[in-house]
Amino acid sequence: MTARAEPPGGGAGDEGEGAGRDADSSAWAPLRLPTYRTLWCAQLGSNVGTWMQTVGAQWMLVHQPNAPTLTSLVQAASLLPVLFLSLPAGVLADVLDRRRLLIALSVAMAAVSTALAVLTAAGLTTPTVLIALVFLMGCGSALSGPGWQAIQPELVPRAQIPAAAALGSLNVNLARAVGPALAGVLVAATGTDVVFGINAASFLGVVAALAVWHRATAPAGGAPERMRSALSAGTRYVRNAPGVRRVLLRAALFVLPASALWGLLPVVSSQRLHQGAGGYGLLLGALGVGAIAGAVTVKRVRAALDRNVLLALSSAAFAAGSAVAALVTQPAVVALVLVMTGAGWLYALSTLNTTLQLALPSWVRARGLAVYLMVFMGGQGVGSLVWGLVANATSTRAALLAATALLLLTAASLAVWPMHARTGTFDRDVVAPWPEPMLAFDRTADDAADGPVLVEVTYEVPVERLPEFRAAMAALAVSRRRTGASHWSLYRDAEQPTTWVEAFQVPSWQEHLRQHESRLTAYDAELAARAGALSTTGPRVRHLIAPVGRAGGAGPHQAGRGGRHEGGPP
């Protein structure tokens, strides 16, 4: 588990454990579902252990030369693996058994944590060894993060998504309130090796919870996606989902300056406030207490405020915490302001997480969440490293004040780049409105030998409907690319001006079948129906397939054998 970014705790499907009963949208409803409750408790234990390890690792380095850089490196080492592992991890979570994948990764992280505890007890943990092992732990977290988030839709119904997202944030922040304070006491009384050992044991609880869980839903039918095509499909979806892209932008703009406080708080506690490990744990606990208060109140606050206003207030609250950490030397005052800062952190992450979960369809959920984790956690890792270097070159105070200014600019930027009002409101349930296209010849199912497919859809559009048709096709083009098309074009017949031809290319026949079977949401189907309704005749569809073993050109005009049918969907 990771203690750096709250997971998008809920899902966007109706296949969850509680889907068959009346939807209960109360804040605690997901905890009434036994499987969700068991996994939530296991995650809480693991998050407490992770926060304890973070405090122990940072405190081992806080008195070293170049302490701002070294303590920031601890956070960076745990988060930077997300940048290069999260997206492949999302692909793995979408094509493999997620439960088995998570069990294997939890066992691996328990082994690394045990090695860290043993080496520390033997006095062999140098700063280099510590950062290297924290990096390995970060790799495990990066690989497990998308899979952990993707199983959530199997646990709760759609109506409980906001409550599950808030509970996911509450989980991490409850651990943030308890773990650092407990770690501070144990580090002072026993040593960091005990803290590392507790973290190793916490992963075993996750393994046990996953081992007793019997998934209620079967994996989707059809041939499994290959890694390369699945990776391409996931990145293609994100590129062509404006609402998802805006969530990613807001996450990056918030977390990059906010990471300064997380990375430099150990140095602030030790060098400016003259606190020991226990005092640092209490400062982190103040952030956790504020986040818990935010989780309890977020439903009412979200109902009263527009999400853009809420994000702006969250950035301002974190700016206040950064400024106080830079300027104030009274620990009690700093802790009091950090409670408000923790609430702002919770409000920001809950808003981003809930919006993202509602925006992603089930077929690409893990990959979409992986990109989010790359941006948020990777951004926090890069930011922590950069702010540590800035503080080392200038001063901790100067770095925190610079981060404060950037957070205020982040709040102001919402006037230019707000969250889209309709993001998360479209129907993202996967539907199968189109029958499987028929082939007049045998076709191998092997993607390696499966060449590109060109789909042509012909429409007859009266002149008076052209403006409406052009607008409908612009929206449909984004949908085609989102669900699998690598190229899309719209042509007008030079001899028959009322005839329009939509042409889009899909990388393989299997990819096109997935468009029919598992990638179209109700919203995508609505866009296609809207365009088709403007044609005076039913859309005429033709599939052109490159011969097996001949990939042909990459452009949308590559032709091959195919067939035509009238009045049907692509």
Protein backbone atom coordinates (compact mmCIF):
# COMPACT_ATOMS: atom_id res chain seq x y z
CA MET A 1 0.00 0.00 0.00
CA THR A 2 1.07 3.56 -0.44
CA ALA A 3 0.71 6.30 2.08
CA ARG A 4 1.54 9.09 -0.29
CA ALA A 5 -1.64 9.60 -2.29
CA GLU A 6 -5.15 8.63 -1.38
CA PRO A 7 -6.51 5.91 -3.65
CA PRO A 8 -9.54 6.62 -5.80
CA GLY A 9 -11.38 4.37 -3.36
CA GLY A 10 -14.55 3.62 -5.33
CA GLY A 11 -15.43 2.24 -8.72
CA ALA A 12 -17.57 3.12 -11.62
CA GLY A 13 -19.40 -0.09 -12.26
CA ASP A 14 -22.63 -1.61 -11.02
CA GLU A 15 -21.17 -5.05 -10.63
CA GLY A 16 -20.08 -4.45 -7.03
CA GLU A 17 -21.02 -6.57 -4.07
CA GLY A 18 -23.87 -4.25 -3.13
CA ALA A 19 -25.25 -3.75 -6.61
CA GLY A 20 -28.22 -5.96 -6.06
CA ARG A 21 -29.53 -4.12 -3.04
CA ASP A 22 -30.96 -0.63 -2.62
CA ALA A 23 -28.18 1.89 -3.12
CA ASP A 24 -27.12 3.39 0.18
CA SER A 25 -25.25 6.63 -0.39
CA SER A 26 -24.45 7.39 3.25
CA ALA A 27 -20.85 8.14 4.11
CA TRP A 28 -20.30 4.75 5.80
CA ALA A 29 -22.34 2.55 3.45
CA PRO A 30 -19.38 0.72 1.81
CA LEU A 31 -18.18 -0.49 5.21
CA ARG A 32 -21.42 -2.46 5.57
CA LEU A 33 -20.22 -4.71 2.73
CA PRO A 34 -18.11 -7.51 4.30
CA THR A 35 -15.48 -7.84 1.58
CA TYR A 36 -14.93 -4.11 1.26
CA ARG A 37 -14.70 -3.81 5.05
CA THR A 38 -12.11 -6.59 5.32
CA LEU A 39 -9.89 -5.17 2.59
CA TRP A 40 -10.31 -1.64 3.95
CA CYS A 41 -9.12 -2.74 7.40
CA ALA A 42 -6.17 -4.60 5.88
CA GLN A 43 -5.25 -1.52 3.89
CA LEU A 44 -5.46 0.60 7.05
CA GLY A 45 -2.97 -1.65 8.80
CA SER A 46 -0.61 -1.52 5.84
CA ASN A 47 -0.88 2.26 5.55
CA VAL A 48 -0.09 2.65 9.26
CA GLY A 49 3.01 0.51 8.71
CA THR A 50 4.03 2.53 5.66
CA TRP A 51 3.75 5.84 7.51
CA MET A 52 5.75 4.39 10.38
CA GLN A 53 8.47 3.34 7.95
CA THR A 54 8.47 6.81 6.34
CA VAL A 55 9.01 8.54 9.69
CA GLY A 56 11.74 6.06 10.65
CA ALA A 57 13.54 6.38 7.32
CA GLN A 58 13.43 10.18 7.25
CA TRP A 59 14.50 10.47 10.87
CA MET A 60 17.54 8.29 10.24
CA LEU A 61 18.73 10.98 7.79
CA VAL A 62 17.55 14.22 9.36
CA HIS A 63 20.86 14.80 11.20
CA GLN A 64 23.05 13.89 8.23
CA PRO A 65 24.89 16.52 6.16
CA ASN A 66 22.66 17.80 3.34
CA ALA A 67 19.60 16.72 5.35
CA PRO A 68 17.05 18.58 3.15
CA THR A 69 18.20 16.67 0.08
CA LEU A 70 18.46 13.30 1.84
CA THR A 71 15.06 13.46 3.55
CA SER A 72 13.47 14.54 0.27
CA LEU A 73 15.23 11.64 -1.44
CA VAL A 74 13.42 9.20 0.85
CA GLN A 75 10.08 10.43 -0.42
CA ALA A 76 11.32 10.69 -4.00
CA ALA A 77 12.69 7.13 -3.91
CA SER A 78 9.31 5.78 -2.79
CA LEU A 79 7.35 7.68 -5.44
CA LEU A 80 9.51 8.02 -8.56
CA PRO A 81 9.03 4.36 -9.62
CA VAL A 82 5.45 5.34 -10.43
CA LEU A 83 6.72 7.32 -13.39
CA PHE A 84 8.02 4.28 -15.26
CA LEU A 85 6.09 1.38 -13.69
CA SER A 86 2.56 2.65 -13.14
CA LEU A 87 1.32 2.42 -16.73
CA PRO A 88 2.73 -1.10 -17.33
CA ALA A 89 1.24 -2.01 -13.95
CA GLY A 90 -2.14 -0.75 -15.14
CA VAL A 91 -1.87 -2.97 -18.20
CA LEU A 92 -1.00 -5.96 -15.98
CA ALA A 93 -3.98 -5.22 -13.76
CA ASP A 94 -6.30 -5.12 -16.77
CA VAL A 95 -5.04 -8.33 -18.41
CA LEU A 96 -4.05 -10.53 -15.43
CA ASP A 97 -5.85 -11.82 -12.35
CA ARG A 98 -5.70 -8.77 -10.08
CA ARG A 99 -6.11 -10.70 -6.85
CA ARG A 100 -3.14 -12.99 -7.51
CA LEU A 101 -1.05 -10.08 -8.73
CA LEU A 102 -1.70 -8.12 -5.53
CA ILE A 103 -0.91 -11.10 -3.31
CA ALA A 104 2.43 -11.67 -5.04
CA LEU A 105 3.41 -8.01 -4.80
CA SER A 106 2.40 -7.77 -1.13
CA VAL A 107 4.60 -10.78 -0.31
CA ALA A 108 7.51 -9.17 -2.19
CA MET A 109 7.13 -5.87 -0.30
CA ALA A 110 6.98 -7.74 3.01
CA ALA A 111 10.30 -9.39 2.10
CA VAL A 112 11.96 -6.05 1.28
CA SER A 113 10.68 -4.49 4.52
CA THR A 114 12.01 -7.47 6.47
CA ALA A 115 15.43 -7.04 4.86
CA LEU A 116 15.42 -3.35 5.83
CA ALA A 117 14.56 -4.23 9.46
CA VAL A 118 17.28 -6.90 9.66
CA LEU A 119 19.98 -4.71 8.12
CA THR A 120 19.05 -1.79 10.39
CA ALA A 121 19.18 -4.00 13.50
CA ALA A 122 22.65 -5.15 12.41
CA GLY A 123 23.81 -1.55 11.93
CA LEU A 124 24.35 -2.00 8.19
CA THR A 125 21.79 0.49 6.87
CA THR A 126 23.76 3.38 5.36
CA PRO A 127 21.92 6.25 3.64
CA THR A 128 22.60 4.57 0.29
CA VAL A 129 21.23 1.21 1.46
CA LEU A 130 18.20 2.89 3.02
CA ILE A 131 17.29 4.84 -0.10
CA ALA A 132 17.86 1.78 -2.32
CA LEU A 133 15.49 -0.39 -0.26
CA VAL A 134 12.90 2.39 -0.07
CA PHE A 135 13.16 2.58 -3.86
CA LEU A 136 12.42 -1.16 -4.12
CA MET A 137 9.41 -0.65 -1.86
CA GLY A 138 8.33 2.16 -4.15
CA CYS A 139 8.55 -0.21 -7.12
CA GLY A 140 6.24 -2.64 -5.34
CA SER A 141 3.77 0.14 -4.54
CA ALA A 142 3.86 1.39 -8.13
CA LEU A 143 3.14 -2.09 -9.48
CA SER A 144 0.31 -2.77 -7.03
CA GLY A 145 -1.36 0.65 -7.05
CA PRO A 146 -3.45 0.37 -10.26
CA GLY A 147 -4.51 -3.18 -9.45
CA TRP A 148 -5.60 -2.22 -5.95
CA GLN A 149 -7.69 0.65 -7.30
CA ALA A 150 -9.18 -1.43 -10.11
CA ILE A 151 -10.67 -4.05 -7.76
CA GLN A 152 -12.76 -1.43 -5.97
CA PRO A 153 -15.65 -1.53 -8.51
CA GLU A 154 -16.11 -5.20 -7.66
CA LEU A 155 -16.74 -4.23 -4.04
CA VAL A 156 -19.22 -1.33 -4.14
CA PRO A 157 -22.11 -0.25 -6.42
CA ARG A 158 -21.95 2.92 -8.47
CA ALA A 159 -24.15 4.91 -6.06
CA GLN A 160 -21.52 4.46 -3.35
CA ILE A 161 -18.57 5.75 -5.39
CA PRO A 162 -18.29 9.13 -3.59
CA ALA A 163 -18.59 7.44 -0.17
CA ALA A 164 -15.98 4.82 -1.10
CA ALA A 165 -13.62 7.52 -2.41
CA ALA A 166 -13.97 9.44 0.86
CA LEU A 167 -13.40 6.26 2.87
CA GLY A 168 -10.28 5.50 0.84
CA SER A 169 -8.97 8.95 1.70
CA LEU A 170 -10.04 8.54 5.32
CA ASN A 171 -8.09 5.27 5.44
CA VAL A 172 -4.80 6.87 4.42
CA ASN A 173 -5.30 9.91 6.62
CA LEU A 174 -6.31 7.90 9.65
CA ALA A 175 -3.06 6.02 9.13
CA ARG A 176 -1.27 9.37 8.74
CA ALA A 177 -2.67 10.50 12.10
CA VAL A 178 -1.77 7.28 13.94
CA GLY A 179 1.34 5.96 12.17
CA PRO A 180 3.72 8.93 12.54
CA ALA A 181 2.87 9.52 16.20
CA LEU A 182 3.31 5.82 16.98
CA ALA A 183 6.55 5.73 14.99
CA GLY A 184 7.91 8.76 16.85
CA VAL A 185 7.35 7.04 20.20
CA LEU A 186 8.86 3.73 19.01
CA VAL A 187 11.89 5.34 17.35
CA ALA A 188 12.67 7.19 20.58
CA ALA A 189 12.07 4.13 22.78
CA THR A 190 13.40 1.23 20.71
CA GLY A 191 14.87 2.18 17.34
CA THR A 192 14.01 2.33 13.68
CA ASP A 193 14.50 -1.41 13.14
CA VAL A 194 11.33 -2.13 15.16
CA VAL A 195 9.36 0.34 13.05
CA PHE A 196 10.58 -1.32 9.86
CA GLY A 197 9.65 -4.74 11.22
CA ILE A 198 6.11 -3.60 12.00
CA ASN A 199 5.75 -2.37 8.41
CA ALA A 200 6.85 -5.79 7.12
CA ALA A 201 4.23 -7.51 9.26
CA SER A 202 1.51 -5.12 8.06
CA PHE A 203 1.75 -6.50 4.52
CA LEU A 204 0.85 -9.95 5.78
CA GLY A 205 -2.57 -8.64 6.78
CA VAL A 206 -3.14 -7.54 3.19
CA VAL A 207 -2.10 -10.97 1.92
CA ALA A 208 -4.54 -12.66 4.31
CA ALA A 209 -7.44 -10.39 3.32
CA LEU A 210 -6.84 -10.97 -0.39
CA ALA A 211 -6.43 -14.72 0.13
CA VAL A 212 -9.89 -15.11 1.69
CA TRP A 213 -11.61 -12.92 -0.89
CA HIS A 214 -13.48 -14.84 -3.58
CA ARG A 215 -14.15 -12.57 -6.53
CA ALA A 216 -17.84 -12.37 -7.34
CA THR A 217 -17.32 -11.34 -10.94
CA ALA A 218 -15.65 -13.32 -13.68
CA PRO A 219 -13.11 -11.75 -15.97
CA ALA A 220 -14.46 -10.35 -19.22
CA GLY A 221 -14.80 -12.79 -22.07
CA GLY A 222 -12.88 -12.76 -25.30
CA ALA A 223 -9.22 -13.14 -26.07
CA PRO A 224 -6.95 -11.41 -23.54
CA GLU A 225 -5.24 -8.26 -24.73
CA ARG A 226 -1.55 -8.35 -25.47
CA MET A 227 0.66 -6.05 -23.42
CA ARG A 228 1.67 -3.80 -26.28
CA SER A 229 -1.82 -3.32 -27.70
CA ALA A 230 -3.29 -2.86 -24.22
CA LEU A 231 -0.71 -0.19 -23.44
CA SER A 232 -1.48 1.63 -26.69
CA ALA A 233 -5.22 1.41 -26.07
CA GLY A 234 -4.86 2.88 -22.58
CA THR A 235 -2.73 5.83 -23.64
CA ARG A 236 -5.00 6.42 -26.65
CA TYR A 237 -8.02 6.59 -24.37
CA VAL A 238 -6.44 9.16 -22.05
CA ARG A 239 -5.33 11.32 -24.99
CA ASN A 240 -8.90 11.41 -26.31
CA ALA A 241 -10.74 11.94 -23.01
CA PRO A 242 -10.77 15.72 -22.36
CA GLY A 243 -12.30 15.36 -18.90
CA VAL A 244 -9.64 12.86 -17.81
CA ARG A 245 -6.87 15.06 -19.19
CA ARG A 246 -8.16 18.03 -17.20
CA VAL A 247 -8.21 15.96 -13.97
CA LEU A 248 -4.57 15.04 -14.66
CA LEU A 249 -3.65 18.69 -15.24
CA ARG A 250 -5.29 19.82 -12.00
CA ALA A 251 -3.57 16.99 -10.10
CA ALA A 252 -0.14 18.00 -11.45
CA LEU A 253 -0.64 21.70 -10.74
CA PHE A 254 -1.61 20.93 -7.15
CA VAL A 255 0.85 18.22 -6.17
CA LEU A 256 4.07 19.71 -7.56
CA PRO A 257 4.12 22.71 -5.19
CA ALA A 258 2.34 20.82 -2.39
CA SER A 259 5.14 18.23 -2.32
CA ALA A 260 7.48 20.83 -0.80
CA LEU A 261 5.77 20.61 2.60
CA TRP A 262 5.76 16.81 2.60
CA GLY A 263 9.44 16.60 1.64
CA LEU A 264 10.77 19.34 3.93
CA LEU A 265 8.62 18.88 7.05
CA PRO A 266 11.24 16.63 8.75
CA VAL A 267 13.84 19.40 8.36
CA VAL A 268 11.38 22.04 9.56
CA SER A 269 10.59 19.93 12.61
CA SER A 270 14.24 19.27 13.49
CA GLN A 271 16.05 22.48 12.52
CA ARG A 272 13.41 25.22 12.81
CA LEU A 273 11.11 23.88 15.53
CA HIS A 274 13.81 21.87 17.37
CA GLN A 275 11.59 18.82 17.77
CA GLY A 276 12.62 15.20 18.11
CA ALA A 277 11.15 12.18 16.34
CA GLY A 278 8.04 12.36 18.53
CA GLY A 279 7.47 16.01 17.63
CA TYR A 280 7.81 15.26 13.92
CA GLY A 281 5.33 12.42 14.30
CA LEU A 282 2.86 14.81 15.96
CA LEU A 283 3.18 17.32 13.10
CA LEU A 284 2.40 14.59 10.58
CA GLY A 285 -0.40 13.49 12.89
CA ALA A 286 -1.85 17.02 12.76
CA LEU A 287 -2.04 16.75 8.98
CA GLY A 288 -3.74 13.38 9.39
CA VAL A 289 -6.25 14.70 11.93
CA GLY A 290 -7.16 17.51 9.54
CA ALA A 291 -7.61 15.04 6.72
CA ILE A 292 -9.85 12.88 8.90
CA ALA A 293 -11.98 15.93 9.68
CA GLY A 294 -12.08 16.61 5.95
CA ALA A 295 -13.20 13.07 5.17
CA VAL A 296 -16.04 13.34 7.69
CA THR A 297 -17.25 16.67 6.28
CA VAL A 298 -16.42 16.31 2.60
CA LYS A 299 -19.90 15.16 1.58
CA ARG A 300 -21.54 18.28 3.01
CA VAL A 301 -18.82 20.56 1.71
CA ARG A 302 -19.00 19.05 -1.77
CA ALA A 303 -22.77 19.55 -1.80
CA ALA A 304 -22.39 23.22 -0.85
CA LEU A 305 -19.46 24.20 -3.10
CA ASP A 306 -18.63 23.87 -6.77
CA ARG A 307 -15.69 21.51 -7.23
CA ASN A 308 -13.56 24.25 -8.79
CA VAL A 309 -14.14 26.45 -5.76
CA LEU A 310 -13.30 23.52 -3.52
CA LEU A 311 -10.02 22.90 -5.37
CA ALA A 312 -9.11 26.58 -5.10
CA LEU A 313 -9.77 26.59 -1.35
CA SER A 314 -7.74 23.39 -0.98
CA SER A 315 -4.74 24.95 -2.73
CA ALA A 316 -5.05 28.04 -0.51
CA ALA A 317 -5.17 25.87 2.62
CA PHE A 318 -2.02 24.04 1.60
CA ALA A 319 -0.37 27.37 0.77
CA ALA A 320 -1.17 28.53 4.32
CA GLY A 321 0.45 25.41 5.78
CA SER A 322 3.58 25.88 3.69
CA ALA A 323 3.85 29.55 4.65
CA VAL A 324 3.45 28.85 8.37
CA ALA A 325 6.06 26.08 8.22
CA ALA A 326 8.43 28.61 6.63
CA LEU A 327 7.80 31.56 8.95
CA VAL A 328 6.52 30.40 12.35
CA THR A 329 8.72 28.83 15.03
CA GLN A 330 6.05 27.89 17.61
CA PRO A 331 5.28 24.16 17.21
CA ALA A 332 1.73 24.48 18.59
CA VAL A 333 0.83 27.17 16.04
CA VAL A 334 2.34 25.17 13.18
CA ALA A 335 0.44 22.05 14.25
CA LEU A 336 -2.84 23.97 14.48
CA VAL A 337 -2.49 25.33 10.93
CA LEU A 338 -1.45 21.91 9.64
CA VAL A 339 -4.82 20.54 10.75
CA MET A 340 -6.48 22.95 8.30
CA THR A 341 -3.86 22.03 5.68
CA GLY A 342 -4.66 18.35 6.07
CA ALA A 343 -8.34 19.07 5.45
CA GLY A 344 -7.41 20.93 2.27
CA TRP A 345 -5.34 17.95 1.11
CA LEU A 346 -8.31 15.65 1.64
CA TYR A 347 -10.77 17.91 -0.16
CA ALA A 348 -8.46 18.24 -3.19
CA LEU A 349 -7.73 14.54 -3.49
CA SER A 350 -11.31 13.46 -2.87
CA THR A 351 -12.52 15.82 -5.60
CA LEU A 352 -9.94 14.60 -8.11
CA ASN A 353 -10.39 10.92 -7.25
CA THR A 354 -14.19 10.90 -7.36
CA THR A 355 -14.28 12.78 -10.66
CA LEU A 356 -11.77 10.42 -12.22
CA GLN A 357 -13.55 7.27 -11.07
CA LEU A 358 -16.85 8.47 -12.52
CA ALA A 359 -15.17 9.41 -15.80
CA LEU A 360 -13.45 6.06 -16.51
CA PRO A 361 -15.24 3.06 -18.06
CA SER A 362 -14.49 -0.36 -16.66
CA TRP A 363 -12.45 -1.69 -19.61
CA VAL A 364 -9.69 0.90 -19.20
CA ARG A 365 -10.05 1.72 -15.51
CA ALA A 366 -6.74 0.33 -14.26
CA ARG A 367 -4.82 1.97 -17.10
CA GLY A 368 -6.54 5.32 -16.54
CA LEU A 369 -5.83 5.12 -12.82
CA ALA A 370 -2.23 4.21 -13.60
CA VAL A 371 -1.79 7.42 -15.57
CA TYR A 372 -3.34 9.34 -12.68
CA LEU A 373 -0.93 7.72 -10.24
CA MET A 374 1.96 8.54 -12.58
CA VAL A 375 0.96 12.20 -12.54
CA PHE A 376 0.07 12.51 -8.87
CA MET A 377 2.54 10.26 -7.10
CA GLY A 378 5.26 10.72 -9.70
CA GLY A 379 4.74 14.47 -9.47
CA GLN A 380 5.03 14.28 -5.70
CA GLY A 381 8.26 12.32 -6.02
CA VAL A 382 9.80 14.70 -8.56
CA GLY A 383 8.58 17.69 -6.59
CA SER A 384 10.04 16.40 -3.34
CA LEU A 385 13.43 15.89 -4.97
CA VAL A 386 13.40 19.32 -6.63
CA TRP A 387 12.30 21.13 -3.47
CA GLY A 388 14.98 19.33 -1.47
CA LEU A 389 17.63 20.50 -3.92
CA VAL A 390 16.22 24.04 -3.86
CA ALA A 391 16.25 24.07 -0.05
CA ASN A 392 19.82 22.76 0.00
CA ALA A 393 20.96 25.45 -2.44
CA THR A 394 19.07 28.30 -0.77
CA SER A 395 17.20 27.57 2.47
CA THR A 396 14.22 25.56 3.69
CA ARG A 397 12.36 28.82 4.30
CA ALA A 398 12.94 30.09 0.75
CA ALA A 399 11.81 26.80 -0.78
CA LEU A 400 8.59 26.72 1.24
CA LEU A 401 7.78 30.35 0.42
CA ALA A 402 8.30 29.65 -3.29
CA ALA A 403 5.95 26.67 -3.01
CA THR A 404 3.41 28.90 -1.25
CA ALA A 405 3.43 31.33 -4.17
CA LEU A 406 2.99 28.51 -6.69
CA LEU A 407 0.04 27.07 -4.72
CA LEU A 408 -1.69 30.44 -4.83
CA LEU A 409 -1.07 30.57 -8.59
CA THR A 410 -2.54 27.06 -8.82
CA ALA A 411 -5.73 28.30 -7.16
CA ALA A 412 -5.89 31.28 -9.53
CA SER A 413 -5.35 29.05 -12.59
CA LEU A 414 -8.76 27.45 -12.04
CA ALA A 415 -10.24 30.52 -13.69
CA VAL A 416 -8.39 29.55 -16.89
CA TRP A 417 -8.30 25.72 -16.65
CA PRO A 418 -11.30 24.66 -14.55
CA MET A 419 -12.54 21.13 -14.14
CA HIS A 420 -15.06 20.46 -16.92
CA ALA A 421 -18.59 20.73 -15.58
CA ARG A 422 -19.81 17.49 -17.26
CA THR A 423 -16.81 15.29 -16.39
CA GLY A 424 -18.06 12.28 -14.48
CA THR A 425 -21.70 12.81 -15.46
CA PHE A 426 -21.75 10.72 -18.66
CA ASP A 427 -22.96 7.14 -18.62
CA ARG A 428 -19.75 5.07 -18.60
CA ASP A 429 -21.41 1.66 -18.22
CA VAL A 430 -20.07 -0.63 -20.95
CA VAL A 431 -22.74 -1.73 -23.41
CA ALA A 432 -22.69 -3.93 -26.51
CA PRO A 433 -25.18 -2.28 -28.89
CA TRP A 434 -23.54 -3.63 -32.05
CA PRO A 435 -23.55 -7.23 -33.26
CA GLU A 436 -20.21 -8.79 -34.07
CA PRO A 437 -19.29 -8.05 -37.70
CA MET A 438 -19.41 -11.07 -39.98
CA LEU A 439 -16.44 -12.30 -41.99
CA ALA A 440 -16.73 -14.14 -45.28
CA PHE A 441 -13.33 -15.83 -44.79
CA ASP A 442 -11.32 -17.34 -41.93
CA ARG A 443 -9.30 -15.01 -39.79
CA THR A 444 -6.65 -15.86 -37.20
CA ALA A 445 -7.17 -14.47 -33.71
CA ASP A 446 -3.45 -13.97 -33.25
CA ASP A 447 -2.78 -10.25 -32.80
CA ALA A 448 0.79 -10.72 -33.99
CA ALA A 449 -0.48 -11.71 -37.44
CA ASP A 450 -3.54 -9.45 -37.37
CA GLY A 451 -3.15 -6.40 -39.59
CA PRO A 452 -5.01 -3.09 -39.51
CA VAL A 453 -8.73 -2.78 -40.22
CA LEU A 454 -10.26 0.14 -42.09
CA VAL A 455 -13.92 0.82 -41.33
CA GLU A 456 -15.94 3.01 -43.71
CA VAL A 457 -19.37 4.32 -42.69
CA THR A 458 -21.42 6.08 -45.37
CA TYR A 459 -24.12 8.62 -44.50
CA GLU A 460 -26.68 10.44 -46.70
CA VAL A 461 -27.12 13.88 -45.17
CA PRO A 462 -29.44 16.60 -46.57
CA VAL A 463 -27.87 20.03 -46.92
CA GLU A 464 -30.04 21.54 -44.19
CA ARG A 465 -28.70 19.02 -41.64
CA LEU A 466 -25.01 19.60 -42.42
CA PRO A 467 -24.13 21.90 -39.48
CA GLU A 468 -25.69 19.49 -37.00
CA PHE A 469 -24.05 16.53 -38.74
CA ARG A 470 -20.58 18.11 -38.68
CA ALA A 471 -20.92 18.80 -34.95
CA ALA A 472 -22.11 15.24 -34.29
CA MET A 473 -19.20 13.78 -36.25
CA ALA A 474 -16.66 15.91 -34.36
CA ALA A 475 -17.87 14.35 -31.09
CA LEU A 476 -18.00 10.88 -32.66
CA ALA A 477 -14.40 11.21 -33.89
CA VAL A 478 -13.17 11.57 -30.31
CA SER A 479 -15.25 8.53 -29.30
CA ARG A 480 -13.79 6.40 -32.13
CA ARG A 481 -10.23 7.28 -31.10
CA ARG A 482 -11.02 6.73 -27.44
CA THR A 483 -12.29 3.20 -28.05
CA GLY A 484 -9.56 2.05 -30.43
CA ALA A 485 -9.19 4.00 -33.68
CA SER A 486 -5.66 5.07 -34.51
CA HIS A 487 -6.75 7.29 -37.43
CA TRP A 488 -10.05 9.00 -38.24
CA SER A 489 -11.20 11.09 -41.22
CA LEU A 490 -14.42 12.42 -42.71
CA TYR A 491 -14.86 12.74 -46.50
CA ARG A 492 -17.50 14.23 -48.78
CA ASP A 493 -18.30 12.58 -52.10
CA ALA A 494 -17.25 14.94 -54.92
CA GLU A 495 -20.03 13.65 -57.22
CA GLN A 496 -22.78 13.18 -54.61
CA PRO A 497 -22.53 16.16 -52.19
CA THR A 498 -25.10 14.64 -49.82
CA THR A 499 -22.91 11.55 -49.36
CA TRP A 500 -20.40 11.58 -46.52
CA VAL A 501 -17.93 8.81 -45.65
CA GLU A 502 -16.46 8.36 -42.21
CA ALA A 503 -13.22 6.33 -42.31
CA PHE A 504 -11.33 5.14 -39.27
CA GLN A 505 -8.53 2.63 -38.87
CA VAL A 506 -8.18 0.20 -35.98
CA PRO A 507 -4.80 -1.53 -35.40
CA SER A 508 -6.19 -5.07 -35.64
CA TRP A 509 -9.34 -7.15 -36.10
CA GLN A 510 -9.20 -8.14 -32.44
CA GLU A 511 -9.09 -4.49 -31.47
CA HIS A 512 -12.17 -3.82 -33.59
CA LEU A 513 -13.98 -6.75 -31.98
CA ARG A 514 -13.21 -5.22 -28.60
CA GLN A 515 -14.89 -2.03 -29.80
CA HIS A 516 -18.01 -4.09 -30.40
CA GLU A 517 -17.84 -6.28 -27.30
CA SER A 518 -16.27 -4.47 -24.38
CA ARG A 519 -15.25 -0.86 -25.01
CA LEU A 520 -18.37 1.04 -25.99
CA THR A 521 -20.08 2.88 -23.17
CA ALA A 522 -23.68 4.07 -23.28
CA TYR A 523 -22.37 7.56 -24.00
CA ASP A 524 -20.30 6.35 -26.97
CA ALA A 525 -23.32 4.49 -28.34
CA GLU A 526 -25.40 7.65 -27.96
CA LEU A 527 -22.87 9.67 -30.00
CA ALA A 528 -22.97 7.09 -32.83
CA ALA A 529 -26.77 7.00 -32.79
CA ARG A 530 -26.95 10.79 -32.89
CA ALA A 531 -24.82 10.93 -36.03
CA GLY A 532 -26.67 8.03 -37.67
CA ALA A 533 -30.07 9.66 -37.04
CA LEU A 534 -29.09 12.58 -39.27
CA SER A 535 -28.69 10.27 -42.29
CA THR A 536 -31.76 9.79 -44.48
CA THR A 537 -30.76 6.16 -44.92
CA GLY A 538 -29.25 3.78 -42.41
CA PRO A 539 -25.45 4.14 -42.25
CA ARG A 540 -23.75 1.73 -44.67
CA VAL A 541 -20.69 0.07 -43.16
CA ARG A 542 -17.76 -1.60 -44.91
CA HIS A 543 -14.80 -3.34 -43.24
CA LEU A 544 -11.52 -3.46 -45.17
CA ILE A 545 -8.95 -5.86 -43.72
CA ALA A 546 -5.25 -6.07 -44.52
CA PRO A 547 -4.25 -9.62 -45.55
CA VAL A 548 -2.67 -11.75 -42.81
CA GLY A 549 1.09 -11.35 -42.77
CA ARG A 550 1.02 -8.02 -44.61
CA ALA A 551 0.77 -5.10 -42.25
CA GLY A 552 0.57 -2.67 -45.14
CA GLY A 553 0.72 1.06 -44.63
CA ALA A 554 -0.09 2.88 -41.44
CA GLY A 555 -2.40 5.43 -43.00
CA PRO A 556 -6.20 5.38 -42.95
CA HIS A 557 -6.45 4.53 -46.65
CA GLN A 558 -4.91 1.05 -46.40
CA ALA A 559 -7.36 -1.33 -48.07
CA GLY A 560 -7.75 -5.05 -48.17
CA ARG A 561 -10.40 -7.71 -48.33
CA GLY A 562 -13.65 -6.87 -46.68
CA GLY A 563 -17.38 -6.88 -46.82
CA ARG A 564 -20.28 -4.49 -46.77
CA HIS A 565 -23.57 -4.42 -44.92
CA GLU A 566 -26.24 -1.77 -44.77
CA GLY A 567 -28.15 -0.18 -41.94
CA GLY A 568 -25.91 -1.57 -39.22
CA PRO A 569 -23.26 -0.24 -36.89
CA PRO A 570 -19.51 -0.52 -37.44
